[in-house]
Amino acid sequence: MTAEPRPVFRFAPSPNGDLHLGHALSALVDHAMARAAGGLFLLRMEDIDVTRCRPEYERGIVEDLAWLGITWDGPIRRQSEHFDAYRKAMDRLWARGLVYPSFLTRTEIKARVEAAEAQGRIWPRDPDGAPLYPGDDRGLDEKAVEAAMIAGKPYAFRLKIAEAIAAANALAGPLDWTETGVGPDGEAGTIAARPERWGDVVIARKEVPTSYHLSVVVDDALQGVTHVVRGLDLFHATSVHRLLQVLLDLPAPVYHHHRLVLDETGRKLSKSFGDTSLKSLRAGGATPADIRKLVGLPPG
């Protein structure tokens, strides 16, 4: 009799700063769920941003996880070592006419949005609050695109969201995912995906042949991940991930989104704001038991 395959979980931080309490909560919840299920627990470094991600931050992550008592199975996967896999996935989307190069800068987009709003128009925004891309470049012909690239203009490759959704629906019907956590409005169970809320999302850039959305679904498939445990801030992004999984014929994991650790103002902890790191807490005498208490978990 063939044994059932073991479930596979993963923790995937970006080594662009020190881990904080929010990361600790995610890693501890993820690890506990993996071990309770008798599954594998993988560690992945999401380091596609080679300018901000550094070896010393990776070493710090490894030290912090070991200090918390978290162990992982197999070698660490680094996204920066697998750009070819992401490039192949992007090429498949390009070949189907679902991708286009976009040339508007953030400054140009901001100016466009401000001008529209000054005239009383409401500019659509994604679930994170960012304005949707205008999509001016969709109709550029090959000569115009080539000229812009030769001129050295920065660009990103974006998904033609409407066409992509139509293609995915033709393949698999309405998109959804299985949620074992709880969404921001109490959602659980089977969740209807709404990738249209994100507009023409970026899936690769001029200097990097991928984006978070593309690399995460490719990696999860290549690593055989069956359960994705992550913070509630990525709940809505799952819609984009389900869309890409269908378009690239990749399996769909079960998703579990957990609560976030917030500061006294209700803001999510962030590396960019210099929130208290595990490294500094440890140096100040904190114990792993203290960290569990700080993030609202029972003693281990």
C-alpha atoms as a PDB file:
ATOM      1  CA  MET A   1       0.000   0.000   0.000  1.00  0.00           C
ATOM      2  CA  THR A   2       1.446   3.375  -1.055  1.00  0.00           C
ATOM      3  CA  ALA A   3       1.873   5.858   1.776  1.00  0.00           C
ATOM      4  CA  GLU A   4       0.164   9.220   1.490  1.00  0.00           C
ATOM      5  CA  PRO A   5       2.591  12.003   0.541  1.00  0.00           C
ATOM      6  CA  ARG A   6       3.570  14.260   3.405  1.00  0.00           C
ATOM      7  CA  PRO A   7       2.171  17.791   3.394  1.00  0.00           C
ATOM      8  CA  VAL A   8       4.737  20.484   2.623  1.00  0.00           C
ATOM      9  CA  PHE A   9       4.819  23.889   4.321  1.00  0.00           C
ATOM     10  CA  ARG A  10       7.284  26.728   3.810  1.00  0.00           C
ATOM     11  CA  PHE A  11       8.462  29.932   5.475  1.00  0.00           C
ATOM     12  CA  ALA A  12       9.687  32.477   2.944  1.00  0.00           C
ATOM     13  CA  PRO A  13      11.120  35.728   4.344  1.00  0.00           C
ATOM     14  CA  SER A  14      13.009  38.349   2.348  1.00  0.00           C
ATOM     15  CA  PRO A  15      16.593  38.865   3.596  1.00  0.00           C
ATOM     16  CA  ASN A  16      16.418  42.652   3.241  1.00  0.00           C
ATOM     17  CA  GLY A  17      16.365  43.429   6.951  1.00  0.00           C
ATOM     18  CA  ASP A  18      16.090  41.878  10.398  1.00  0.00           C
ATOM     19  CA  LEU A  19      13.114  39.734  11.348  1.00  0.00           C
ATOM     20  CA  HIS A  20      10.599  41.393  13.681  1.00  0.00           C
ATOM     21  CA  LEU A  21       7.767  40.114  15.874  1.00  0.00           C
ATOM     22  CA  GLY A  22       5.405  39.779  12.913  1.00  0.00           C
ATOM     23  CA  HIS A  23       7.828  37.392  11.238  1.00  0.00           C
ATOM     24  CA  ALA A  24       8.186  35.485  14.508  1.00  0.00           C
ATOM     25  CA  LEU A  25       4.419  34.943  14.710  1.00  0.00           C
ATOM     26  CA  SER A  26       4.271  33.730  11.108  1.00  0.00           C
ATOM     27  CA  ALA A  27       7.246  31.382  11.469  1.00  0.00           C
ATOM     28  CA  LEU A  28       6.011  29.923  14.760  1.00  0.00           C
ATOM     29  CA  VAL A  29       2.449  29.349  13.513  1.00  0.00           C
ATOM     30  CA  ASP A  30       3.701  27.915  10.219  1.00  0.00           C
ATOM     31  CA  HIS A  31       6.220  25.588  11.878  1.00  0.00           C
ATOM     32  CA  ALA A  32       3.700  24.357  14.461  1.00  0.00           C
ATOM     33  CA  MET A  33       1.125  23.571  11.758  1.00  0.00           C
ATOM     34  CA  ALA A  34       3.708  21.699   9.677  1.00  0.00           C
ATOM     35  CA  ARG A  35       4.896  19.552  12.565  1.00  0.00           C
ATOM     36  CA  ALA A  36       1.335  18.874  13.798  1.00  0.00           C
ATOM     37  CA  ALA A  37       0.453  17.629  10.310  1.00  0.00           C
ATOM     38  CA  GLY A  38       3.551  15.426  10.153  1.00  0.00           C
ATOM     39  CA  GLY A  39       4.708  17.513   7.210  1.00  0.00           C
ATOM     40  CA  LEU A  40       7.904  18.969   5.854  1.00  0.00           C
ATOM     41  CA  PHE A  41       8.851  22.547   6.716  1.00  0.00           C
ATOM     42  CA  LEU A  42      10.961  24.342   4.108  1.00  0.00           C
ATOM     43  CA  LEU A  43      12.906  27.587   4.350  1.00  0.00           C
ATOM     44  CA  ARG A  44      13.045  29.830   1.281  1.00  0.00           C
ATOM     45  CA  MET A  45      14.786  33.183   0.870  1.00  0.00           C
ATOM     46  CA  GLU A  46      12.765  35.516  -1.337  1.00  0.00           C
ATOM     47  CA  ASP A  47      15.763  37.515  -2.479  1.00  0.00           C
ATOM     48  CA  ILE A  48      14.870  38.601  -6.020  1.00  0.00           C
ATOM     49  CA  ASP A  49      15.692  42.187  -5.009  1.00  0.00           C
ATOM     50  CA  VAL A  50      19.444  41.677  -5.246  1.00  0.00           C
ATOM     51  CA  THR A  51      20.174  45.320  -4.375  1.00  0.00           C
ATOM     52  CA  ARG A  52      18.478  45.222  -0.960  1.00  0.00           C
ATOM     53  CA  CYS A  53      18.872  41.568   0.028  1.00  0.00           C
ATOM     54  CA  ARG A  54      22.184  40.772   1.710  1.00  0.00           C
ATOM     55  CA  PRO A  55      23.971  37.648   3.023  1.00  0.00           C
ATOM     56  CA  GLU A  56      24.221  39.153   6.503  1.00  0.00           C
ATOM     57  CA  TYR A  57      20.438  39.442   6.703  1.00  0.00           C
ATOM     58  CA  GLU A  58      20.078  35.812   5.645  1.00  0.00           C
ATOM     59  CA  ARG A  59      22.519  34.790   8.362  1.00  0.00           C
ATOM     60  CA  GLY A  60      20.477  36.805  10.840  1.00  0.00           C
ATOM     61  CA  ILE A  61      17.261  35.079   9.773  1.00  0.00           C
ATOM     62  CA  VAL A  62      18.845  31.663  10.217  1.00  0.00           C
ATOM     63  CA  GLU A  63      20.121  32.633  13.674  1.00  0.00           C
ATOM     64  CA  ASP A  64      16.740  34.033  14.738  1.00  0.00           C
ATOM     65  CA  LEU A  65      14.831  30.943  13.603  1.00  0.00           C
ATOM     66  CA  ALA A  66      17.271  28.595  15.329  1.00  0.00           C
ATOM     67  CA  TRP A  67      16.985  30.659  18.519  1.00  0.00           C
ATOM     68  CA  LEU A  68      13.179  30.356  18.366  1.00  0.00           C
ATOM     69  CA  GLY A  69      13.559  26.559  18.119  1.00  0.00           C
ATOM     70  CA  ILE A  70      12.430  26.365  14.507  1.00  0.00           C
ATOM     71  CA  THR A  71      14.010  23.669  12.343  1.00  0.00           C
ATOM     72  CA  TRP A  72      13.578  23.118   8.613  1.00  0.00           C
ATOM     73  CA  ASP A  73      13.945  20.238   6.209  1.00  0.00           C
ATOM     74  CA  GLY A  74      16.453  20.225   3.379  1.00  0.00           C
ATOM     75  CA  PRO A  75      18.596  23.056   2.042  1.00  0.00           C
ATOM     76  CA  ILE A  76      17.513  26.698   1.893  1.00  0.00           C
ATOM     77  CA  ARG A  77      16.129  27.727  -1.497  1.00  0.00           C
ATOM     78  CA  ARG A  78      17.231  31.154  -2.722  1.00  0.00           C
ATOM     79  CA  GLN A  79      15.144  32.756  -5.443  1.00  0.00           C
ATOM     80  CA  SER A  80      18.157  34.640  -6.788  1.00  0.00           C
ATOM     81  CA  GLU A  81      19.579  31.276  -7.885  1.00  0.00           C
ATOM     82  CA  HIS A  82      16.517  30.379  -9.977  1.00  0.00           C
ATOM     83  CA  PHE A  83      15.853  33.315 -12.305  1.00  0.00           C
ATOM     84  CA  ASP A  84      15.777  30.946 -15.289  1.00  0.00           C
ATOM     85  CA  ALA A  85      12.692  29.186 -13.914  1.00  0.00           C
ATOM     86  CA  TYR A  86      10.834  32.485 -13.552  1.00  0.00           C
ATOM     87  CA  ARG A  87      11.945  33.649 -16.995  1.00  0.00           C
ATOM     88  CA  LYS A  88      10.512  30.483 -18.559  1.00  0.00           C
ATOM     89  CA  ALA A  89       7.192  31.055 -16.810  1.00  0.00           C
ATOM     90  CA  MET A  90       7.081  34.660 -17.990  1.00  0.00           C
ATOM     91  CA  ASP A  91       7.889  33.546 -21.541  1.00  0.00           C
ATOM     92  CA  ARG A  92       4.874  31.209 -21.474  1.00  0.00           C
ATOM     93  CA  LEU A  93       2.577  34.087 -20.557  1.00  0.00           C
ATOM     94  CA  TRP A  94       4.182  36.312 -23.189  1.00  0.00           C
ATOM     95  CA  ALA A  95       3.711  33.668 -25.876  1.00  0.00           C
ATOM     96  CA  ARG A  96      -0.012  33.638 -25.123  1.00  0.00           C
ATOM     97  CA  GLY A  97      -0.274  37.408 -25.553  1.00  0.00           C
ATOM     98  CA  LEU A  98      -1.094  37.972 -21.883  1.00  0.00           C
ATOM     99  CA  VAL A  99       1.821  40.286 -21.079  1.00  0.00           C
ATOM    100  CA  TYR A 100       2.909  43.738 -22.242  1.00  0.00           C
ATOM    101  CA  PRO A 101       5.818  46.069 -21.408  1.00  0.00           C
ATOM    102  CA  SER A 102       4.781  49.206 -19.512  1.00  0.00           C
ATOM    103  CA  PHE A 103       6.847  52.383 -19.433  1.00  0.00           C
ATOM    104  CA  LEU A 104       5.057  54.844 -17.160  1.00  0.00           C
ATOM    105  CA  THR A 105       7.091  55.667 -14.054  1.00  0.00           C
ATOM    106  CA  ARG A 106       5.639  55.995 -10.558  1.00  0.00           C
ATOM    107  CA  THR A 107       5.925  59.761 -10.897  1.00  0.00           C
ATOM    108  CA  GLU A 108       4.016  59.730 -14.174  1.00  0.00           C
ATOM    109  CA  ILE A 109       1.319  57.488 -12.732  1.00  0.00           C
ATOM    110  CA  LYS A 110       0.989  59.740  -9.683  1.00  0.00           C
ATOM    111  CA  ALA A 111       0.627  62.810 -11.908  1.00  0.00           C
ATOM    112  CA  ARG A 112      -2.049  61.076 -13.988  1.00  0.00           C
ATOM    113  CA  VAL A 113      -4.002  60.068 -10.897  1.00  0.00           C
ATOM    114  CA  GLU A 114      -3.761  63.507  -9.298  1.00  0.00           C
ATOM    115  CA  ALA A 115      -4.952  65.186 -12.501  1.00  0.00           C
ATOM    116  CA  ALA A 116      -7.938  62.849 -12.731  1.00  0.00           C
ATOM    117  CA  GLU A 117      -8.872  63.294  -9.094  1.00  0.00           C
ATOM    118  CA  ALA A 118      -8.558  67.086  -9.427  1.00  0.00           C
ATOM    119  CA  GLN A 119     -11.315  66.849 -12.032  1.00  0.00           C
ATOM    120  CA  GLY A 120     -13.514  64.903  -9.619  1.00  0.00           C
ATOM    121  CA  ARG A 121     -12.838  61.431 -11.010  1.00  0.00           C
ATOM    122  CA  ILE A 122     -12.358  58.495  -8.660  1.00  0.00           C
ATOM    123  CA  TRP A 123      -9.270  56.534  -9.675  1.00  0.00           C
ATOM    124  CA  PRO A 124      -9.567  52.789  -8.962  1.00  0.00           C
ATOM    125  CA  ARG A 125      -7.114  51.369  -6.455  1.00  0.00           C
ATOM    126  CA  ASP A 126      -5.931  47.881  -5.592  1.00  0.00           C
ATOM    127  CA  PRO A 127      -6.549  46.204  -2.201  1.00  0.00           C
ATOM    128  CA  ASP A 128      -3.315  47.731  -0.875  1.00  0.00           C
ATOM    129  CA  GLY A 129      -4.502  51.214  -1.823  1.00  0.00           C
ATOM    130  CA  ALA A 130      -2.183  51.766  -4.789  1.00  0.00           C
ATOM    131  CA  PRO A 131      -3.730  53.267  -7.960  1.00  0.00           C
ATOM    132  CA  LEU A 132      -4.317  50.828 -10.784  1.00  0.00           C
ATOM    133  CA  TYR A 133      -2.032  51.185 -13.778  1.00  0.00           C
ATOM    134  CA  PRO A 134      -3.532  53.348 -16.579  1.00  0.00           C
ATOM    135  CA  GLY A 135      -2.664  50.788 -19.251  1.00  0.00           C
ATOM    136  CA  ASP A 136      -1.620  53.331 -21.900  1.00  0.00           C
ATOM    137  CA  ASP A 137       1.102  50.993 -23.178  1.00  0.00           C
ATOM    138  CA  ARG A 138      -1.257  48.174 -24.063  1.00  0.00           C
ATOM    139  CA  GLY A 139      -1.650  49.426 -27.620  1.00  0.00           C
ATOM    140  CA  LEU A 140       1.986  50.191 -28.417  1.00  0.00           C
ATOM    141  CA  ASP A 141       3.228  48.526 -31.588  1.00  0.00           C
ATOM    142  CA  GLU A 142       6.500  46.623 -31.795  1.00  0.00           C
ATOM    143  CA  LYS A 143       8.434  49.572 -33.221  1.00  0.00           C
ATOM    144  CA  ALA A 144       7.327  51.884 -30.407  1.00  0.00           C
ATOM    145  CA  VAL A 145       8.213  49.294 -27.786  1.00  0.00           C
ATOM    146  CA  GLU A 146      11.611  48.662 -29.356  1.00  0.00           C
ATOM    147  CA  ALA A 147      12.343  52.395 -29.553  1.00  0.00           C
ATOM    148  CA  ALA A 148      11.464  52.896 -25.890  1.00  0.00           C
ATOM    149  CA  MET A 149      13.689  50.015 -24.836  1.00  0.00           C
ATOM    150  CA  ILE A 150      16.591  51.187 -26.978  1.00  0.00           C
ATOM    151  CA  ALA A 151      16.222  54.632 -25.448  1.00  0.00           C
ATOM    152  CA  GLY A 152      16.847  53.039 -22.080  1.00  0.00           C
ATOM    153  CA  LYS A 153      13.453  53.770 -20.548  1.00  0.00           C
ATOM    154  CA  PRO A 154      12.754  51.697 -17.434  1.00  0.00           C
ATOM    155  CA  TYR A 155       9.927  49.244 -17.911  1.00  0.00           C
ATOM    156  CA  ALA A 156       7.986  46.470 -16.275  1.00  0.00           C
ATOM    157  CA  PHE A 157       6.107  43.554 -17.773  1.00  0.00           C
ATOM    158  CA  ARG A 158       2.452  43.601 -16.769  1.00  0.00           C
ATOM    159  CA  LEU A 159      -0.300  41.051 -17.013  1.00  0.00           C
ATOM    160  CA  LYS A 160      -3.258  41.982 -19.208  1.00  0.00           C
ATOM    161  CA  ILE A 161      -5.631  41.275 -16.377  1.00  0.00           C
ATOM    162  CA  ALA A 162      -8.911  41.093 -18.291  1.00  0.00           C
ATOM    163  CA  GLU A 163      -7.492  38.806 -20.976  1.00  0.00           C
ATOM    164  CA  ALA A 164      -5.711  36.701 -18.344  1.00  0.00           C
ATOM    165  CA  ILE A 165      -8.909  36.195 -16.348  1.00  0.00           C
ATOM    166  CA  ALA A 166     -10.817  35.224 -19.492  1.00  0.00           C
ATOM    167  CA  ALA A 167      -8.114  32.696 -20.403  1.00  0.00           C
ATOM    168  CA  ALA A 168      -8.078  31.229 -16.881  1.00  0.00           C
ATOM    169  CA  ASN A 169     -11.863  30.979 -16.729  1.00  0.00           C
ATOM    170  CA  ALA A 170     -11.846  29.138 -20.048  1.00  0.00           C
ATOM    171  CA  LEU A 171      -9.382  26.642 -18.578  1.00  0.00           C
ATOM    172  CA  ALA A 172     -10.779  26.141 -15.091  1.00  0.00           C
ATOM    173  CA  GLY A 173     -13.961  28.127 -14.637  1.00  0.00           C
ATOM    174  CA  PRO A 174     -14.370  30.744 -11.867  1.00  0.00           C
ATOM    175  CA  LEU A 175     -11.252  31.007  -9.706  1.00  0.00           C
ATOM    176  CA  ASP A 176     -11.248  30.262  -5.990  1.00  0.00           C
ATOM    177  CA  TRP A 177      -9.044  28.902  -3.232  1.00  0.00           C
ATOM    178  CA  THR A 178      -9.372  26.904  -0.030  1.00  0.00           C
ATOM    179  CA  GLU A 179      -8.831  29.046   3.083  1.00  0.00           C
ATOM    180  CA  THR A 180      -8.291  27.412   6.483  1.00  0.00           C
ATOM    181  CA  GLY A 181      -7.541  30.692   8.223  1.00  0.00           C
ATOM    182  CA  VAL A 182      -9.842  33.714   8.359  1.00  0.00           C
ATOM    183  CA  GLY A 183      -9.922  36.622   5.919  1.00  0.00           C
ATOM    184  CA  PRO A 184     -10.175  40.312   6.858  1.00  0.00           C
ATOM    185  CA  ASP A 185     -13.992  40.139   6.785  1.00  0.00           C
ATOM    186  CA  GLY A 186     -14.262  36.707   8.397  1.00  0.00           C
ATOM    187  CA  GLU A 187     -14.012  34.765   5.131  1.00  0.00           C
ATOM    188  CA  ALA A 188     -13.161  31.071   5.364  1.00  0.00           C
ATOM    189  CA  GLY A 189     -13.627  27.875   3.385  1.00  0.00           C
ATOM    190  CA  THR A 190     -13.896  28.348  -0.362  1.00  0.00           C
ATOM    191  CA  ILE A 191     -12.973  31.930  -1.304  1.00  0.00           C
ATOM    192  CA  ALA A 192     -13.873  33.434  -4.675  1.00  0.00           C
ATOM    193  CA  ALA A 193     -10.766  34.977  -6.232  1.00  0.00           C
ATOM    194  CA  ARG A 194     -11.016  38.545  -7.551  1.00  0.00           C
ATOM    195  CA  PRO A 195      -7.779  39.245  -9.442  1.00  0.00           C
ATOM    196  CA  GLU A 196      -9.432  42.093 -11.374  1.00  0.00           C
ATOM    197  CA  ARG A 197      -9.102  44.218  -8.234  1.00  0.00           C
ATOM    198  CA  TRP A 198      -5.345  44.385  -8.873  1.00  0.00           C
ATOM    199  CA  GLY A 199      -5.486  45.688 -12.432  1.00  0.00           C
ATOM    200  CA  ASP A 200      -2.527  44.963 -14.720  1.00  0.00           C
ATOM    201  CA  VAL A 201      -0.119  43.654 -12.086  1.00  0.00           C
ATOM    202  CA  VAL A 202       3.645  43.607 -12.571  1.00  0.00           C
ATOM    203  CA  ILE A 203       5.044  40.120 -13.132  1.00  0.00           C
ATOM    204  CA  ALA A 204       8.617  41.024 -14.167  1.00  0.00           C
ATOM    205  CA  ARG A 205      10.889  44.045 -14.516  1.00  0.00           C
ATOM    206  CA  LYS A 206      13.624  45.218 -16.842  1.00  0.00           C
ATOM    207  CA  GLU A 207      16.372  44.394 -14.353  1.00  0.00           C
ATOM    208  CA  VAL A 208      14.743  41.333 -12.741  1.00  0.00           C
ATOM    209  CA  PRO A 209      12.941  38.667 -14.807  1.00  0.00           C
ATOM    210  CA  THR A 210      10.224  38.144 -12.190  1.00  0.00           C
ATOM    211  CA  SER A 211       8.143  39.714  -9.439  1.00  0.00           C
ATOM    212  CA  TYR A 212       6.896  38.504  -6.077  1.00  0.00           C
ATOM    213  CA  HIS A 213       3.638  37.255  -7.606  1.00  0.00           C
ATOM    214  CA  LEU A 214       5.329  35.205 -10.323  1.00  0.00           C
ATOM    215  CA  SER A 215       8.229  33.786  -8.317  1.00  0.00           C
ATOM    216  CA  VAL A 216       6.087  32.724  -5.371  1.00  0.00           C
ATOM    217  CA  VAL A 217       3.735  30.557  -7.440  1.00  0.00           C
ATOM    218  CA  VAL A 218       6.609  29.036  -9.435  1.00  0.00           C
ATOM    219  CA  ASP A 219       8.565  28.228  -6.273  1.00  0.00           C
ATOM    220  CA  ASP A 220       5.581  26.765  -4.452  1.00  0.00           C
ATOM    221  CA  ALA A 221       4.968  24.431  -7.385  1.00  0.00           C
ATOM    222  CA  LEU A 222       8.609  23.430  -7.851  1.00  0.00           C
ATOM    223  CA  GLN A 223       8.996  22.733  -4.128  1.00  0.00           C
ATOM    224  CA  GLY A 224       5.767  20.751  -3.924  1.00  0.00           C
ATOM    225  CA  VAL A 225       4.262  23.108  -1.347  1.00  0.00           C
ATOM    226  CA  THR A 226       0.795  21.951  -0.311  1.00  0.00           C
ATOM    227  CA  HIS A 227       0.062  24.482   2.458  1.00  0.00           C
ATOM    228  CA  VAL A 228       0.864  28.196   2.422  1.00  0.00           C
ATOM    229  CA  VAL A 229       0.747  29.864   5.844  1.00  0.00           C
ATOM    230  CA  ARG A 230       1.256  33.635   5.828  1.00  0.00           C
ATOM    231  CA  GLY A 231       0.013  36.954   7.168  1.00  0.00           C
ATOM    232  CA  LEU A 232      -3.387  38.469   6.511  1.00  0.00           C
ATOM    233  CA  ASP A 233      -1.735  41.272   4.510  1.00  0.00           C
ATOM    234  CA  LEU A 234      -1.321  38.783   1.636  1.00  0.00           C
ATOM    235  CA  PHE A 235      -4.905  37.501   1.673  1.00  0.00           C
ATOM    236  CA  HIS A 236      -6.059  39.511  -1.340  1.00  0.00           C
ATOM    237  CA  ALA A 237      -2.847  38.787  -3.289  1.00  0.00           C
ATOM    238  CA  THR A 238      -3.937  35.135  -3.320  1.00  0.00           C
ATOM    239  CA  SER A 239      -6.360  36.085  -6.108  1.00  0.00           C
ATOM    240  CA  VAL A 240      -3.423  36.950  -8.369  1.00  0.00           C
ATOM    241  CA  HIS A 241      -1.603  33.794  -7.343  1.00  0.00           C
ATOM    242  CA  ARG A 242      -4.566  31.598  -8.202  1.00  0.00           C
ATOM    243  CA  LEU A 243      -4.817  33.301 -11.596  1.00  0.00           C
ATOM    244  CA  LEU A 244      -1.155  32.635 -12.379  1.00  0.00           C
ATOM    245  CA  GLN A 245      -1.378  29.050 -11.132  1.00  0.00           C
ATOM    246  CA  VAL A 246      -4.177  28.288 -13.574  1.00  0.00           C
ATOM    247  CA  LEU A 247      -2.481  30.052 -16.490  1.00  0.00           C
ATOM    248  CA  LEU A 248       0.793  28.187 -15.838  1.00  0.00           C
ATOM    249  CA  ASP A 249      -0.889  24.848 -15.055  1.00  0.00           C
ATOM    250  CA  LEU A 250       0.461  24.795 -11.491  1.00  0.00           C
ATOM    251  CA  PRO A 251      -1.151  23.082  -8.489  1.00  0.00           C
ATOM    252  CA  ALA A 252      -3.074  25.120  -5.929  1.00  0.00           C
ATOM    253  CA  PRO A 253      -1.951  24.859  -2.292  1.00  0.00           C
ATOM    254  CA  VAL A 254      -4.296  25.228   0.649  1.00  0.00           C
ATOM    255  CA  TYR A 255      -3.956  28.736   2.107  1.00  0.00           C
ATOM    256  CA  HIS A 256      -4.001  29.782   5.752  1.00  0.00           C
ATOM    257  CA  HIS A 257      -3.804  33.506   6.487  1.00  0.00           C
ATOM    258  CA  HIS A 258      -3.223  34.497  10.104  1.00  0.00           C
ATOM    259  CA  ARG A 259      -3.622  37.679  12.103  1.00  0.00           C
ATOM    260  CA  LEU A 260      -0.927  40.361  12.027  1.00  0.00           C
ATOM    261  CA  VAL A 261       1.136  41.804  14.858  1.00  0.00           C
ATOM    262  CA  LEU A 262       0.265  45.500  15.081  1.00  0.00           C
ATOM    263  CA  ASP A 263       1.908  48.379  16.911  1.00  0.00           C
ATOM    264  CA  GLU A 264       0.113  50.692  19.325  1.00  0.00           C
ATOM    265  CA  THR A 265      -1.255  52.769  16.430  1.00  0.00           C
ATOM    266  CA  GLY A 266      -2.724  49.741  14.688  1.00  0.00           C
ATOM    267  CA  ARG A 267      -0.026  49.730  11.992  1.00  0.00           C
ATOM    268  CA  LYS A 268       1.459  46.454  10.766  1.00  0.00           C
ATOM    269  CA  LEU A 269       5.073  45.967  11.836  1.00  0.00           C
ATOM    270  CA  SER A 270       7.546  46.640   9.045  1.00  0.00           C
ATOM    271  CA  LYS A 271      11.284  46.493   8.426  1.00  0.00           C
ATOM    272  CA  SER A 272      11.118  49.839   6.672  1.00  0.00           C
ATOM    273  CA  PHE A 273       9.864  51.543   9.836  1.00  0.00           C
ATOM    274  CA  GLY A 274      12.647  50.091  11.977  1.00  0.00           C
ATOM    275  CA  ASP A 275      10.317  48.097  14.216  1.00  0.00           C
ATOM    276  CA  THR A 276      11.876  46.168  17.071  1.00  0.00           C
ATOM    277  CA  SER A 277      13.838  43.259  15.676  1.00  0.00           C
ATOM    278  CA  LEU A 278      14.251  39.798  17.151  1.00  0.00           C
ATOM    279  CA  LYS A 279      17.997  40.432  17.093  1.00  0.00           C
ATOM    280  CA  SER A 280      17.692  43.477  19.352  1.00  0.00           C
ATOM    281  CA  LEU A 281      15.160  41.784  21.647  1.00  0.00           C
ATOM    282  CA  ARG A 282      17.493  38.823  22.012  1.00  0.00           C
ATOM    283  CA  ALA A 283      20.413  41.122  22.745  1.00  0.00           C
ATOM    284  CA  GLY A 284      18.281  42.803  25.397  1.00  0.00           C
ATOM    285  CA  GLY A 285      17.777  39.529  27.246  1.00  0.00           C
ATOM    286  CA  ALA A 286      14.482  38.301  25.800  1.00  0.00           C
ATOM    287  CA  THR A 287      13.910  34.555  25.636  1.00  0.00           C
ATOM    288  CA  PRO A 288      11.973  32.542  23.033  1.00  0.00           C
ATOM    289  CA  ALA A 289       9.215  32.218  25.655  1.00  0.00           C
ATOM    290  CA  ASP A 290       9.080  36.019  25.872  1.00  0.00           C
ATOM    291  CA  ILE A 291       8.667  36.265  22.115  1.00  0.00           C
ATOM    292  CA  ARG A 292       5.786  33.796  22.149  1.00  0.00           C
ATOM    293  CA  LYS A 293       4.086  35.876  24.825  1.00  0.00           C
ATOM    294  CA  LEU A 294       4.674  39.125  22.918  1.00  0.00           C
ATOM    295  CA  VAL A 295       3.008  37.736  19.781  1.00  0.00           C
ATOM    296  CA  GLY A 296       0.107  36.241  21.711  1.00  0.00           C
ATOM    297  CA  LEU A 297       1.000  32.553  21.498  1.00  0.00           C
ATOM    298  CA  PRO A 298       0.798  30.077  24.392  1.00  0.00           C
ATOM    299  CA  PRO A 299       4.026  28.706  25.881  1.00  0.00           C
ATOM    300  CA  GLY A 300       5.735  26.207  23.593  1.00  0.00           C
END
